[in-house]
């Protein structure tokens, strides 16, 4: 009990002492504040400008002293960026990247004439020039490329494909199909091909055209033979002209239809109605509605036309005999089904074929 009472008295003594000290400090603080206020009021703001200047200078000095400490302890983005090398300094170092502008290489434009040397083979030549063997063979049809002789001149195309001379009626679409391409785009992509019209890509007869990736079509052996009277296909022919095909007459000659239509299955043979010379052989195109068709001049002003054919077996200038095979029945051009449109011209005027077939 005595210990507790002593602690209590000790605490009271400390409380009295601290209260007295706090009161004394407060009295002195109030006295100083009153003195300062009295002076400022008396001078009515005379110390305002010096006080502000002193405060601002104090802030500037404190900022200059503390700035390095703050930057080192708390780095900012700006300080981090300042530590990095500038682009110009990087390019000036030994590790700078060297840039170089390269031009795209265009393919070779012209055909090269290569003189065969000892040990050369067509496969070696093709490999050295980056083209395939078929392309070399296509460009050298008269040269036995499989049996080369020293001194032979071999023409090397600039690219694998074929080089052709455009004929009248050729189009980029028909040529693409003829030489085995899925579309005519490779003809347009070849940088050295030119066109009569750069918007429609028309071709001019006689111009040279490169068909990249094209292959020569397989040569079709077209037999031209004389039909014998024992063959029933043309047994009805008994007049000046023999019947060009067997089948059913579906339309006759009239003022609005310049020939006879003979319908039969696709691929039925078509023969010359009389001996003569082939003056026209169209193997592609619409051709005024005739499609694939042939004209034969029999002399004395007599000409016969065979239209809508599926295949043409003759060429312009061929001499054909009576009953000679010209092609096969088809449905090309303006046609509603497989048939032969047969027209006879006498001195340039269409006449009724039946008047000569009887």
Foldseek 3Di string as FASTA:
>chain_A
DVVVVVVVVVVVVVVVVVVVVVVVVVVVVVVVVVVVVVVCVVVVCPCVVVVVVVVVVVVVVVCVVCVVVCCVVPPDPVNVVVPDDDPVVCCPDPPHDDDDDDDDDAFDDDKDWDFDDPPDALCVVCVVLVEDSQAQCQVCVPDPRRDDDGGDITIHDRAHAYKDFAAPPDALQVVCVQQPHPGSVQQVPRVPDDAPDPVRRHHDGGDIGTRHPGGHDDDDQQDWDADDCVDPQFVLFDFQWTAQGDADWDDFDDPVALFTKGADAWFGWGFGRAWFFKADFDQADQVVQQGTKTKGDPDQQKIKIKGQFPDARDDGGDTHGRRITGGTFHAGHNGDTTIITMWMTGNRHTDGVVVGRD
